[in-house]
Amino acid sequence: MTTAHLLAIAWSPDPSVFGGSAALAVGYLAWTRRFGPRAWIFLAGVVALLLALVGPLDRIGELYLFSVHMLQHLVLILIVPPLLLWGLPPAATERLLAVPWLGRLERVLGRPAVALPVAIVALWAWHVPTLYDMALRSESVHALEHVIFLVTATMFWWPVLTPVRARRLSPPAAMAYLFAVMASDSALGAILTFAPAPLYSFYLVPPDPYGALALIRDGWHVSALADQQMGGLAMWIPGGLFTIVAILIEFGLWFQEPEVDERTESPSTPAGGRTLDRPLRTVATDVAAGPIVPADATPRFVSWLAPAAPRGVLEGAR
């Protein structure tokens, strides 16, 4: 067994995953009835979802390595939901939310004070050793775990990336919101990294259907404890860096907001500028109360991509 051979055979062409991904893509195109830049972004999210669930990340992660399983979960939490949300067209989404029961559901599940704790609890709960090992030993429980990660991560990202501008968090509130989840994820990553012994019994003696355990233990020199430490570091460092980038984007968006007109500035505000005290004082209120964003605010990540993206792509994303 070689690394190349393992990567070539560690695929799981699950019909339900292919069917669900195809339904998601076809449903999106039927709903929007257009194929513009946002459609490419949405379909990239569908492809990322498909590869995470049928490729080597899935098979090696669920059979051999906690660290690879962690990478799969990071894709499902940090990559797929942002791409899917950024790919939603604003006008069509607003029409969808105009349906009374959908609008009421969004106002509850998309509320930052609900989405943030739900996402944090879901991530911590599924890393409790009993639940984690149960998911690895049961396909149905494992599928449920992935569905919960996708749903709660989409809830979490909605207040930051929703295409409906009036429902987005203001940049200062979004920065606090993102920092809160980064602190939680970093704490969990640190626990996994510095645990003195393996926490998940499944990975101590994996089932080894591909005969790759000797390659992993002797060829790659990855023990169960080292594997767990790498998984914790993956959550802690790459996962944290991803969130830091999102925070920096929000910081940039904050200072790209139109300046306050001098005639409407308060006496404490320098002419032609903005103060830091008012936004920071209202951050907690913004997060609890829900999204507040200037009407002309640029969608999240568009400003970040602006230097390199073609003009047509940015215009399509607005």
C-alpha atoms as a PDB file:
ATOM      1  CA  MET A   1       0.000   0.000   0.000  1.00  0.00           C
ATOM      2  CA  THR A   2       1.304   3.431  -0.994  1.00  0.00           C
ATOM      3  CA  THR A   3      -0.041   6.918  -0.351  1.00  0.00           C
ATOM      4  CA  ALA A   4      -1.021   7.318  -4.013  1.00  0.00           C
ATOM      5  CA  HIS A   5      -2.844   3.992  -3.989  1.00  0.00           C
ATOM      6  CA  LEU A   6      -4.738   4.910  -0.813  1.00  0.00           C
ATOM      7  CA  LEU A   7      -5.811   8.269  -2.250  1.00  0.00           C
ATOM      8  CA  ALA A   8      -6.953   6.532  -5.433  1.00  0.00           C
ATOM      9  CA  ILE A   9      -9.163   3.962  -3.730  1.00  0.00           C
ATOM     10  CA  ALA A  10     -10.442   5.943  -0.729  1.00  0.00           C
ATOM     11  CA  TRP A  11     -13.622   7.160  -2.401  1.00  0.00           C
ATOM     12  CA  SER A  12     -17.230   6.448  -1.416  1.00  0.00           C
ATOM     13  CA  PRO A  13     -19.614   7.122  -4.331  1.00  0.00           C
ATOM     14  CA  ASP A  14     -22.699   7.320  -2.139  1.00  0.00           C
ATOM     15  CA  PRO A  15     -25.799   7.675  -4.379  1.00  0.00           C
ATOM     16  CA  SER A  16     -27.603   9.731  -1.723  1.00  0.00           C
ATOM     17  CA  VAL A  17     -24.770  12.294  -1.659  1.00  0.00           C
ATOM     18  CA  PHE A  18     -24.639  12.529  -5.462  1.00  0.00           C
ATOM     19  CA  GLY A  19     -28.426  12.758  -5.620  1.00  0.00           C
ATOM     20  CA  GLY A  20     -28.608  15.398  -2.917  1.00  0.00           C
ATOM     21  CA  SER A  21     -25.863  17.495  -4.515  1.00  0.00           C
ATOM     22  CA  ALA A  22     -27.505  17.258  -7.940  1.00  0.00           C
ATOM     23  CA  ALA A  23     -30.879  18.217  -6.460  1.00  0.00           C
ATOM     24  CA  LEU A  24     -29.292  21.209  -4.744  1.00  0.00           C
ATOM     25  CA  ALA A  25     -27.672  22.425  -7.963  1.00  0.00           C
ATOM     26  CA  VAL A  26     -30.726  21.833 -10.164  1.00  0.00           C
ATOM     27  CA  GLY A  27     -33.048  23.352  -7.578  1.00  0.00           C
ATOM     28  CA  TYR A  28     -30.892  26.470  -7.375  1.00  0.00           C
ATOM     29  CA  LEU A  29     -30.834  26.956 -11.152  1.00  0.00           C
ATOM     30  CA  ALA A  30     -34.580  26.350 -11.423  1.00  0.00           C
ATOM     31  CA  TRP A  31     -35.197  28.847  -8.616  1.00  0.00           C
ATOM     32  CA  THR A  32     -32.933  31.644  -9.896  1.00  0.00           C
ATOM     33  CA  ARG A  33     -33.462  30.972 -13.636  1.00  0.00           C
ATOM     34  CA  ARG A  34     -30.121  32.561 -14.441  1.00  0.00           C
ATOM     35  CA  PHE A  35     -26.498  31.506 -14.686  1.00  0.00           C
ATOM     36  CA  GLY A  36     -24.341  34.407 -13.571  1.00  0.00           C
ATOM     37  CA  PRO A  37     -21.339  34.885 -11.267  1.00  0.00           C
ATOM     38  CA  ARG A  38     -23.353  34.017  -8.178  1.00  0.00           C
ATOM     39  CA  ALA A  39     -24.377  30.719  -9.738  1.00  0.00           C
ATOM     40  CA  TRP A  40     -20.719  29.768 -10.173  1.00  0.00           C
ATOM     41  CA  ILE A  41     -20.075  30.560  -6.516  1.00  0.00           C
ATOM     42  CA  PHE A  42     -23.065  28.500  -5.386  1.00  0.00           C
ATOM     43  CA  LEU A  43     -22.065  25.562  -7.591  1.00  0.00           C
ATOM     44  CA  ALA A  44     -18.516  25.761  -6.205  1.00  0.00           C
ATOM     45  CA  GLY A  45     -20.089  25.250  -2.783  1.00  0.00           C
ATOM     46  CA  VAL A  46     -21.989  22.230  -4.079  1.00  0.00           C
ATOM     47  CA  VAL A  47     -18.789  20.742  -5.528  1.00  0.00           C
ATOM     48  CA  ALA A  48     -16.931  21.356  -2.246  1.00  0.00           C
ATOM     49  CA  LEU A  49     -19.752  19.614  -0.400  1.00  0.00           C
ATOM     50  CA  LEU A  50     -19.690  16.658  -2.797  1.00  0.00           C
ATOM     51  CA  LEU A  51     -15.921  16.192  -2.613  1.00  0.00           C
ATOM     52  CA  ALA A  52     -15.905  16.462   1.171  1.00  0.00           C
ATOM     53  CA  LEU A  53     -18.509  13.709   1.473  1.00  0.00           C
ATOM     54  CA  VAL A  54     -17.351  11.205  -1.152  1.00  0.00           C
ATOM     55  CA  GLY A  55     -13.596  11.774  -1.456  1.00  0.00           C
ATOM     56  CA  PRO A  56     -10.574  10.720   0.592  1.00  0.00           C
ATOM     57  CA  LEU A  57     -11.394  13.243   3.319  1.00  0.00           C
ATOM     58  CA  ASP A  58     -14.481  11.191   4.109  1.00  0.00           C
ATOM     59  CA  ARG A  59     -13.104   7.660   3.836  1.00  0.00           C
ATOM     60  CA  ILE A  60      -9.699   8.223   5.431  1.00  0.00           C
ATOM     61  CA  GLY A  61     -11.271  10.430   8.080  1.00  0.00           C
ATOM     62  CA  GLU A  62     -14.015   8.048   9.096  1.00  0.00           C
ATOM     63  CA  LEU A  63     -11.797   4.946   8.946  1.00  0.00           C
ATOM     64  CA  TYR A  64      -8.283   5.941   9.979  1.00  0.00           C
ATOM     65  CA  LEU A  65      -7.405   9.509  10.972  1.00  0.00           C
ATOM     66  CA  PHE A  66      -9.048  12.002  13.306  1.00  0.00           C
ATOM     67  CA  SER A  67      -7.016  14.827  11.733  1.00  0.00           C
ATOM     68  CA  VAL A  68      -8.396  14.105   8.260  1.00  0.00           C
ATOM     69  CA  HIS A  69     -11.890  13.879   9.708  1.00  0.00           C
ATOM     70  CA  MET A  70     -11.318  17.310  11.262  1.00  0.00           C
ATOM     71  CA  LEU A  71     -10.337  18.733   7.869  1.00  0.00           C
ATOM     72  CA  GLN A  72     -13.573  17.364   6.423  1.00  0.00           C
ATOM     73  CA  HIS A  73     -15.577  19.049   9.173  1.00  0.00           C
ATOM     74  CA  LEU A  74     -13.767  22.339   8.589  1.00  0.00           C
ATOM     75  CA  VAL A  75     -14.763  22.186   4.921  1.00  0.00           C
ATOM     76  CA  LEU A  76     -18.389  21.536   5.893  1.00  0.00           C
ATOM     77  CA  ILE A  77     -18.377  24.409   8.399  1.00  0.00           C
ATOM     78  CA  LEU A  78     -16.030  27.058   6.966  1.00  0.00           C
ATOM     79  CA  ILE A  79     -16.093  26.534   3.191  1.00  0.00           C
ATOM     80  CA  VAL A  80     -19.423  25.106   2.036  1.00  0.00           C
ATOM     81  CA  PRO A  81     -21.933  27.375   3.845  1.00  0.00           C
ATOM     82  CA  PRO A  82     -20.171  30.664   2.941  1.00  0.00           C
ATOM     83  CA  LEU A  83     -20.034  29.678  -0.734  1.00  0.00           C
ATOM     84  CA  LEU A  84     -23.685  28.642  -0.793  1.00  0.00           C
ATOM     85  CA  LEU A  85     -24.808  31.831   0.966  1.00  0.00           C
ATOM     86  CA  TRP A  86     -22.678  34.124  -1.159  1.00  0.00           C
ATOM     87  CA  GLY A  87     -24.156  32.458  -4.224  1.00  0.00           C
ATOM     88  CA  LEU A  88     -27.741  33.375  -3.290  1.00  0.00           C
ATOM     89  CA  PRO A  89     -29.172  36.209  -5.450  1.00  0.00           C
ATOM     90  CA  PRO A  90     -30.487  39.093  -3.298  1.00  0.00           C
ATOM     91  CA  ALA A  91     -33.763  39.733  -5.141  1.00  0.00           C
ATOM     92  CA  ALA A  92     -34.763  36.071  -5.289  1.00  0.00           C
ATOM     93  CA  THR A  93     -33.843  35.582  -1.631  1.00  0.00           C
ATOM     94  CA  GLU A  94     -35.954  38.565  -0.594  1.00  0.00           C
ATOM     95  CA  ARG A  95     -38.915  37.152  -2.505  1.00  0.00           C
ATOM     96  CA  LEU A  96     -38.398  33.789  -0.801  1.00  0.00           C
ATOM     97  CA  LEU A  97     -38.302  35.388   2.641  1.00  0.00           C
ATOM     98  CA  ALA A  98     -41.508  37.244   1.808  1.00  0.00           C
ATOM     99  CA  VAL A  99     -43.290  33.892   2.214  1.00  0.00           C
ATOM    100  CA  PRO A 100     -44.710  34.344   5.733  1.00  0.00           C
ATOM    101  CA  TRP A 101     -43.604  31.088   7.352  1.00  0.00           C
ATOM    102  CA  LEU A 102     -40.125  31.274   5.798  1.00  0.00           C
ATOM    103  CA  GLY A 103     -39.717  34.851   6.949  1.00  0.00           C
ATOM    104  CA  ARG A 104     -40.710  33.925  10.497  1.00  0.00           C
ATOM    105  CA  LEU A 105     -38.325  30.965  10.480  1.00  0.00           C
ATOM    106  CA  GLU A 106     -35.450  33.142   9.255  1.00  0.00           C
ATOM    107  CA  ARG A 107     -36.115  35.774  11.908  1.00  0.00           C
ATOM    108  CA  VAL A 108     -35.691  33.083  14.579  1.00  0.00           C
ATOM    109  CA  LEU A 109     -32.891  30.875  13.187  1.00  0.00           C
ATOM    110  CA  GLY A 110     -30.978  33.739  11.580  1.00  0.00           C
ATOM    111  CA  ARG A 111     -30.908  35.807  14.759  1.00  0.00           C
ATOM    112  CA  PRO A 112     -27.283  36.109  15.942  1.00  0.00           C
ATOM    113  CA  ALA A 113     -28.235  35.492  19.566  1.00  0.00           C
ATOM    114  CA  VAL A 114     -29.661  32.123  18.439  1.00  0.00           C
ATOM    115  CA  ALA A 115     -27.270  31.123  15.643  1.00  0.00           C
ATOM    116  CA  LEU A 116     -24.048  31.696  17.591  1.00  0.00           C
ATOM    117  CA  PRO A 117     -24.758  29.515  20.652  1.00  0.00           C
ATOM    118  CA  VAL A 118     -26.413  26.807  18.545  1.00  0.00           C
ATOM    119  CA  ALA A 119     -23.328  26.532  16.299  1.00  0.00           C
ATOM    120  CA  ILE A 120     -20.964  26.473  19.285  1.00  0.00           C
ATOM    121  CA  VAL A 121     -22.963  23.852  21.181  1.00  0.00           C
ATOM    122  CA  ALA A 122     -23.248  21.635  18.089  1.00  0.00           C
ATOM    123  CA  LEU A 123     -19.490  21.648  17.517  1.00  0.00           C
ATOM    124  CA  TRP A 124     -18.612  20.933  21.143  1.00  0.00           C
ATOM    125  CA  ALA A 125     -21.321  18.289  21.580  1.00  0.00           C
ATOM    126  CA  TRP A 126     -20.188  16.246  18.575  1.00  0.00           C
ATOM    127  CA  HIS A 127     -16.632  16.209  19.919  1.00  0.00           C
ATOM    128  CA  VAL A 128     -17.706  14.557  23.156  1.00  0.00           C
ATOM    129  CA  PRO A 129     -15.954  11.153  22.845  1.00  0.00           C
ATOM    130  CA  THR A 130     -19.133   9.098  23.291  1.00  0.00           C
ATOM    131  CA  LEU A 131     -20.996  10.909  20.500  1.00  0.00           C
ATOM    132  CA  TYR A 132     -17.959  11.113  18.249  1.00  0.00           C
ATOM    133  CA  ASP A 133     -17.247   7.382  18.472  1.00  0.00           C
ATOM    134  CA  MET A 134     -20.947   6.632  17.977  1.00  0.00           C
ATOM    135  CA  ALA A 135     -20.959   8.636  14.747  1.00  0.00           C
ATOM    136  CA  LEU A 136     -17.945   6.710  13.445  1.00  0.00           C
ATOM    137  CA  ARG A 137     -19.575   3.350  14.189  1.00  0.00           C
ATOM    138  CA  SER A 138     -22.998   4.191  12.722  1.00  0.00           C
ATOM    139  CA  GLU A 139     -23.557   5.500   9.204  1.00  0.00           C
ATOM    140  CA  SER A 140     -26.924   7.019  10.119  1.00  0.00           C
ATOM    141  CA  VAL A 141     -25.509   8.860  13.153  1.00  0.00           C
ATOM    142  CA  HIS A 142     -22.549  10.015  11.052  1.00  0.00           C
ATOM    143  CA  ALA A 143     -24.907  11.388   8.410  1.00  0.00           C
ATOM    144  CA  LEU A 144     -26.893  13.159  11.126  1.00  0.00           C
ATOM    145  CA  GLU A 145     -23.679  14.712  12.442  1.00  0.00           C
ATOM    146  CA  HIS A 146     -22.847  16.109   9.010  1.00  0.00           C
ATOM    147  CA  VAL A 147     -26.360  17.469   8.507  1.00  0.00           C
ATOM    148  CA  ILE A 148     -26.235  19.211  11.895  1.00  0.00           C
ATOM    149  CA  PHE A 149     -22.837  20.733  11.096  1.00  0.00           C
ATOM    150  CA  LEU A 150     -24.116  22.031   7.749  1.00  0.00           C
ATOM    151  CA  VAL A 151     -27.346  23.448   9.189  1.00  0.00           C
ATOM    152  CA  THR A 152     -25.814  25.095  12.245  1.00  0.00           C
ATOM    153  CA  ALA A 153     -22.872  26.482  10.228  1.00  0.00           C
ATOM    154  CA  THR A 154     -25.305  27.965   7.702  1.00  0.00           C
ATOM    155  CA  MET A 155     -27.251  29.520  10.569  1.00  0.00           C
ATOM    156  CA  PHE A 156     -24.006  30.932  11.943  1.00  0.00           C
ATOM    157  CA  TRP A 157     -22.830  32.464   8.657  1.00  0.00           C
ATOM    158  CA  TRP A 158     -26.240  33.853   7.680  1.00  0.00           C
ATOM    159  CA  PRO A 159     -26.055  37.117   9.723  1.00  0.00           C
ATOM    160  CA  VAL A 160     -22.649  37.851   8.180  1.00  0.00           C
ATOM    161  CA  LEU A 161     -23.127  36.716   4.563  1.00  0.00           C
ATOM    162  CA  THR A 162     -26.867  36.951   3.886  1.00  0.00           C
ATOM    163  CA  PRO A 163     -27.551  38.579   0.496  1.00  0.00           C
ATOM    164  CA  VAL A 164     -30.422  40.528   2.083  1.00  0.00           C
ATOM    165  CA  ARG A 165     -28.574  43.669   3.133  1.00  0.00           C
ATOM    166  CA  ALA A 166     -31.040  44.772   5.769  1.00  0.00           C
ATOM    167  CA  ARG A 167     -30.526  41.499   7.640  1.00  0.00           C
ATOM    168  CA  ARG A 168     -26.718  41.615   7.853  1.00  0.00           C
ATOM    169  CA  LEU A 169     -24.821  42.483  10.971  1.00  0.00           C
ATOM    170  CA  SER A 170     -22.993  45.794  10.907  1.00  0.00           C
ATOM    171  CA  PRO A 171     -19.223  45.320  10.542  1.00  0.00           C
ATOM    172  CA  PRO A 172     -18.391  46.062  14.227  1.00  0.00           C
ATOM    173  CA  ALA A 173     -21.051  43.617  15.403  1.00  0.00           C
ATOM    174  CA  ALA A 174     -19.907  41.036  12.849  1.00  0.00           C
ATOM    175  CA  MET A 175     -16.338  41.322  14.136  1.00  0.00           C
ATOM    176  CA  ALA A 176     -17.474  40.628  17.706  1.00  0.00           C
ATOM    177  CA  TYR A 177     -19.686  37.787  16.479  1.00  0.00           C
ATOM    178  CA  LEU A 178     -16.826  36.151  14.574  1.00  0.00           C
ATOM    179  CA  PHE A 179     -14.381  36.665  17.437  1.00  0.00           C
ATOM    180  CA  ALA A 180     -16.748  34.850  19.811  1.00  0.00           C
ATOM    181  CA  VAL A 181     -16.845  31.719  17.662  1.00  0.00           C
ATOM    182  CA  MET A 182     -13.092  31.883  17.055  1.00  0.00           C
ATOM    183  CA  ALA A 183     -12.456  31.923  20.805  1.00  0.00           C
ATOM    184  CA  SER A 184     -14.727  28.905  21.291  1.00  0.00           C
ATOM    185  CA  ASP A 185     -13.163  26.921  18.441  1.00  0.00           C
ATOM    186  CA  SER A 186      -9.656  27.762  19.633  1.00  0.00           C
ATOM    187  CA  ALA A 187     -10.482  26.502  23.119  1.00  0.00           C
ATOM    188  CA  LEU A 188     -11.733  23.193  21.726  1.00  0.00           C
ATOM    189  CA  GLY A 189      -8.717  22.922  19.460  1.00  0.00           C
ATOM    190  CA  ALA A 190      -6.392  23.521  22.402  1.00  0.00           C
ATOM    191  CA  ILE A 191      -8.091  20.795  24.446  1.00  0.00           C
ATOM    192  CA  LEU A 192      -7.673  18.307  21.613  1.00  0.00           C
ATOM    193  CA  THR A 193      -4.056  19.344  21.000  1.00  0.00           C
ATOM    194  CA  PHE A 194      -2.874  19.121  24.608  1.00  0.00           C
ATOM    195  CA  ALA A 195      -4.885  16.090  25.736  1.00  0.00           C
ATOM    196  CA  PRO A 196      -2.359  13.670  27.302  1.00  0.00           C
ATOM    197  CA  ALA A 197      -3.972  10.592  25.737  1.00  0.00           C
ATOM    198  CA  PRO A 198      -6.220   9.784  22.758  1.00  0.00           C
ATOM    199  CA  LEU A 199      -9.835  10.728  23.482  1.00  0.00           C
ATOM    200  CA  TYR A 200     -11.528   8.673  20.776  1.00  0.00           C
ATOM    201  CA  SER A 201     -11.299   4.905  21.155  1.00  0.00           C
ATOM    202  CA  PHE A 202     -12.326   4.267  17.549  1.00  0.00           C
ATOM    203  CA  TYR A 203      -8.995   5.544  16.231  1.00  0.00           C
ATOM    204  CA  LEU A 204      -6.921   3.412  18.600  1.00  0.00           C
ATOM    205  CA  VAL A 205      -7.688   0.277  16.581  1.00  0.00           C
ATOM    206  CA  PRO A 206      -9.265   1.345  13.265  1.00  0.00           C
ATOM    207  CA  PRO A 207     -11.126  -1.266  11.170  1.00  0.00           C
ATOM    208  CA  ASP A 208      -8.537  -1.000   8.342  1.00  0.00           C
ATOM    209  CA  PRO A 209     -10.645  -2.166   5.350  1.00  0.00           C
ATOM    210  CA  TYR A 210      -8.042  -0.847   2.881  1.00  0.00           C
ATOM    211  CA  GLY A 211      -5.054  -2.408   4.650  1.00  0.00           C
ATOM    212  CA  ALA A 212      -3.560   1.079   5.073  1.00  0.00           C
ATOM    213  CA  LEU A 213      -2.949   1.061   8.823  1.00  0.00           C
ATOM    214  CA  ALA A 214       0.675  -0.085   8.452  1.00  0.00           C
ATOM    215  CA  LEU A 215       1.291   2.748   5.982  1.00  0.00           C
ATOM    216  CA  ILE A 216      -0.171   5.297   8.393  1.00  0.00           C
ATOM    217  CA  ARG A 217       1.533   4.042  11.546  1.00  0.00           C
ATOM    218  CA  ASP A 218       4.896   2.967  10.101  1.00  0.00           C
ATOM    219  CA  GLY A 219       5.172   4.862   6.817  1.00  0.00           C
ATOM    220  CA  TRP A 220       3.700   8.184   7.901  1.00  0.00           C
ATOM    221  CA  HIS A 221       4.704   7.673  11.560  1.00  0.00           C
ATOM    222  CA  VAL A 222       1.311   8.909  12.783  1.00  0.00           C
ATOM    223  CA  SER A 223       0.204   7.458  16.117  1.00  0.00           C
ATOM    224  CA  ALA A 224      -3.305   7.868  17.493  1.00  0.00           C
ATOM    225  CA  LEU A 225      -2.121  10.618  19.862  1.00  0.00           C
ATOM    226  CA  ALA A 226      -0.149  12.475  17.184  1.00  0.00           C
ATOM    227  CA  ASP A 227      -3.171  12.232  14.893  1.00  0.00           C
ATOM    228  CA  GLN A 228      -5.393  13.789  17.561  1.00  0.00           C
ATOM    229  CA  GLN A 229      -2.877  16.571  18.132  1.00  0.00           C
ATOM    230  CA  MET A 230      -2.793  17.373  14.413  1.00  0.00           C
ATOM    231  CA  GLY A 231      -6.591  17.449  14.366  1.00  0.00           C
ATOM    232  CA  GLY A 232      -6.666  19.866  17.297  1.00  0.00           C
ATOM    233  CA  LEU A 233      -4.092  22.083  15.606  1.00  0.00           C
ATOM    234  CA  ALA A 234      -6.146  22.045  12.395  1.00  0.00           C
ATOM    235  CA  MET A 235      -9.148  23.416  14.251  1.00  0.00           C
ATOM    236  CA  TRP A 236      -7.053  25.831  16.260  1.00  0.00           C
ATOM    237  CA  ILE A 237      -4.728  27.354  13.644  1.00  0.00           C
ATOM    238  CA  PRO A 238      -6.112  27.033  10.070  1.00  0.00           C
ATOM    239  CA  GLY A 239      -9.676  27.311  11.387  1.00  0.00           C
ATOM    240  CA  GLY A 240      -8.734  30.324  13.479  1.00  0.00           C
ATOM    241  CA  LEU A 241      -6.864  31.970  10.606  1.00  0.00           C
ATOM    242  CA  PHE A 242      -9.927  31.608   8.386  1.00  0.00           C
ATOM    243  CA  THR A 243     -12.024  33.450  10.972  1.00  0.00           C
ATOM    244  CA  ILE A 244      -9.334  36.114  11.428  1.00  0.00           C
ATOM    245  CA  VAL A 245      -9.428  36.775   7.680  1.00  0.00           C
ATOM    246  CA  ALA A 246     -13.218  37.178   7.905  1.00  0.00           C
ATOM    247  CA  ILE A 247     -12.770  39.621  10.806  1.00  0.00           C
ATOM    248  CA  LEU A 248     -10.219  41.645   8.836  1.00  0.00           C
ATOM    249  CA  ILE A 249     -12.607  41.793   5.895  1.00  0.00           C
ATOM    250  CA  GLU A 250     -15.322  43.151   8.178  1.00  0.00           C
ATOM    251  CA  PHE A 251     -12.833  45.675   9.563  1.00  0.00           C
ATOM    252  CA  GLY A 252     -12.066  46.826   6.038  1.00  0.00           C
ATOM    253  CA  LEU A 253     -15.757  47.076   5.191  1.00  0.00           C
ATOM    254  CA  TRP A 254     -16.327  49.169   8.293  1.00  0.00           C
ATOM    255  CA  PHE A 255     -13.843  51.805   7.135  1.00  0.00           C
ATOM    256  CA  GLN A 256     -15.233  51.737   3.610  1.00  0.00           C
ATOM    257  CA  GLU A 257     -18.628  52.871   4.835  1.00  0.00           C
ATOM    258  CA  PRO A 258     -19.568  56.401   3.705  1.00  0.00           C
ATOM    259  CA  GLU A 259     -18.331  59.094   6.047  1.00  0.00           C
ATOM    260  CA  VAL A 260     -20.863  60.925   8.165  1.00  0.00           C
ATOM    261  CA  ASP A 261     -21.886  64.282   6.725  1.00  0.00           C
ATOM    262  CA  GLU A 262     -20.377  67.141   8.719  1.00  0.00           C
ATOM    263  CA  ARG A 263     -23.782  68.761   9.142  1.00  0.00           C
ATOM    264  CA  THR A 264     -25.125  65.674  10.923  1.00  0.00           C
ATOM    265  CA  GLU A 265     -22.071  64.829  13.013  1.00  0.00           C
ATOM    266  CA  SER A 266     -22.283  64.971  16.758  1.00  0.00           C
ATOM    267  CA  PRO A 267     -20.071  67.502  18.584  1.00  0.00           C
ATOM    268  CA  SER A 268     -17.791  64.676  19.708  1.00  0.00           C
ATOM    269  CA  THR A 269     -17.157  63.428  16.165  1.00  0.00           C
ATOM    270  CA  PRO A 270     -14.195  64.948  14.306  1.00  0.00           C
ATOM    271  CA  ALA A 271     -15.227  66.667  11.077  1.00  0.00           C
ATOM    272  CA  GLY A 272     -15.126  64.291   8.130  1.00  0.00           C
ATOM    273  CA  GLY A 273     -14.231  61.285  10.269  1.00  0.00           C
ATOM    274  CA  ARG A 274     -15.728  58.570  12.440  1.00  0.00           C
ATOM    275  CA  THR A 275     -15.155  57.695  16.050  1.00  0.00           C
ATOM    276  CA  LEU A 276     -14.567  54.213  17.418  1.00  0.00           C
ATOM    277  CA  ASP A 277     -16.586  54.653  20.601  1.00  0.00           C
ATOM    278  CA  ARG A 278     -20.124  54.611  19.238  1.00  0.00           C
ATOM    279  CA  PRO A 279     -19.851  51.387  17.133  1.00  0.00           C
ATOM    280  CA  LEU A 280     -18.059  49.565  19.927  1.00  0.00           C
ATOM    281  CA  ARG A 281     -20.644  50.611  22.491  1.00  0.00           C
ATOM    282  CA  THR A 282     -23.408  49.211  20.313  1.00  0.00           C
ATOM    283  CA  VAL A 283     -21.756  45.947  19.322  1.00  0.00           C
ATOM    284  CA  ALA A 284     -23.489  43.846  21.981  1.00  0.00           C
ATOM    285  CA  THR A 285     -26.839  45.437  21.133  1.00  0.00           C
ATOM    286  CA  ASP A 286     -26.341  44.825  17.413  1.00  0.00           C
ATOM    287  CA  VAL A 287     -25.464  41.157  17.923  1.00  0.00           C
ATOM    288  CA  ALA A 288     -28.449  40.559  20.188  1.00  0.00           C
ATOM    289  CA  ALA A 289     -30.937  42.577  18.166  1.00  0.00           C
ATOM    290  CA  GLY A 290     -29.920  41.307  14.753  1.00  0.00           C
ATOM    291  CA  PRO A 291     -28.499  42.652  11.516  1.00  0.00           C
ATOM    292  CA  ILE A 292     -28.069  46.359  10.881  1.00  0.00           C
ATOM    293  CA  VAL A 293     -26.106  47.407   7.817  1.00  0.00           C
ATOM    294  CA  PRO A 294     -25.924  50.481   5.576  1.00  0.00           C
ATOM    295  CA  ALA A 295     -28.181  50.203   2.557  1.00  0.00           C
ATOM    296  CA  ASP A 296     -25.284  50.554   0.150  1.00  0.00           C
ATOM    297  CA  ALA A 297     -22.940  48.124   1.889  1.00  0.00           C
ATOM    298  CA  THR A 298     -20.984  45.790  -0.377  1.00  0.00           C
ATOM    299  CA  PRO A 299     -21.671  42.042   0.050  1.00  0.00           C
ATOM    300  CA  ARG A 300     -19.197  40.230   2.257  1.00  0.00           C
ATOM    301  CA  PHE A 301     -15.950  39.145   0.575  1.00  0.00           C
ATOM    302  CA  VAL A 302     -16.642  41.291  -2.524  1.00  0.00           C
ATOM    303  CA  SER A 303     -14.341  44.076  -1.290  1.00  0.00           C
ATOM    304  CA  TRP A 304     -11.681  41.492  -0.462  1.00  0.00           C
ATOM    305  CA  LEU A 305     -11.793  40.081  -3.984  1.00  0.00           C
ATOM    306  CA  ALA A 306     -12.143  43.459  -5.682  1.00  0.00           C
ATOM    307  CA  PRO A 307      -8.461  43.952  -6.631  1.00  0.00           C
ATOM    308  CA  ALA A 308      -8.322  40.636  -8.491  1.00  0.00           C
ATOM    309  CA  ALA A 309     -11.883  39.882  -9.592  1.00  0.00           C
ATOM    310  CA  PRO A 310     -13.173  40.865 -13.022  1.00  0.00           C
ATOM    311  CA  ARG A 311     -15.528  43.825 -13.074  1.00  0.00           C
ATOM    312  CA  GLY A 312     -18.422  41.689 -14.323  1.00  0.00           C
ATOM    313  CA  VAL A 313     -18.052  39.280 -11.417  1.00  0.00           C
ATOM    314  CA  LEU A 314     -18.291  42.063  -8.844  1.00  0.00           C
ATOM    315  CA  GLU A 315     -21.250  43.649 -10.573  1.00  0.00           C
ATOM    316  CA  GLY A 316     -23.011  40.293 -10.631  1.00  0.00           C
ATOM    317  CA  ALA A 317     -22.342  39.791  -6.923  1.00  0.00           C
ATOM    318  CA  ARG A 318     -24.025  43.040  -5.913  1.00  0.00           C
END
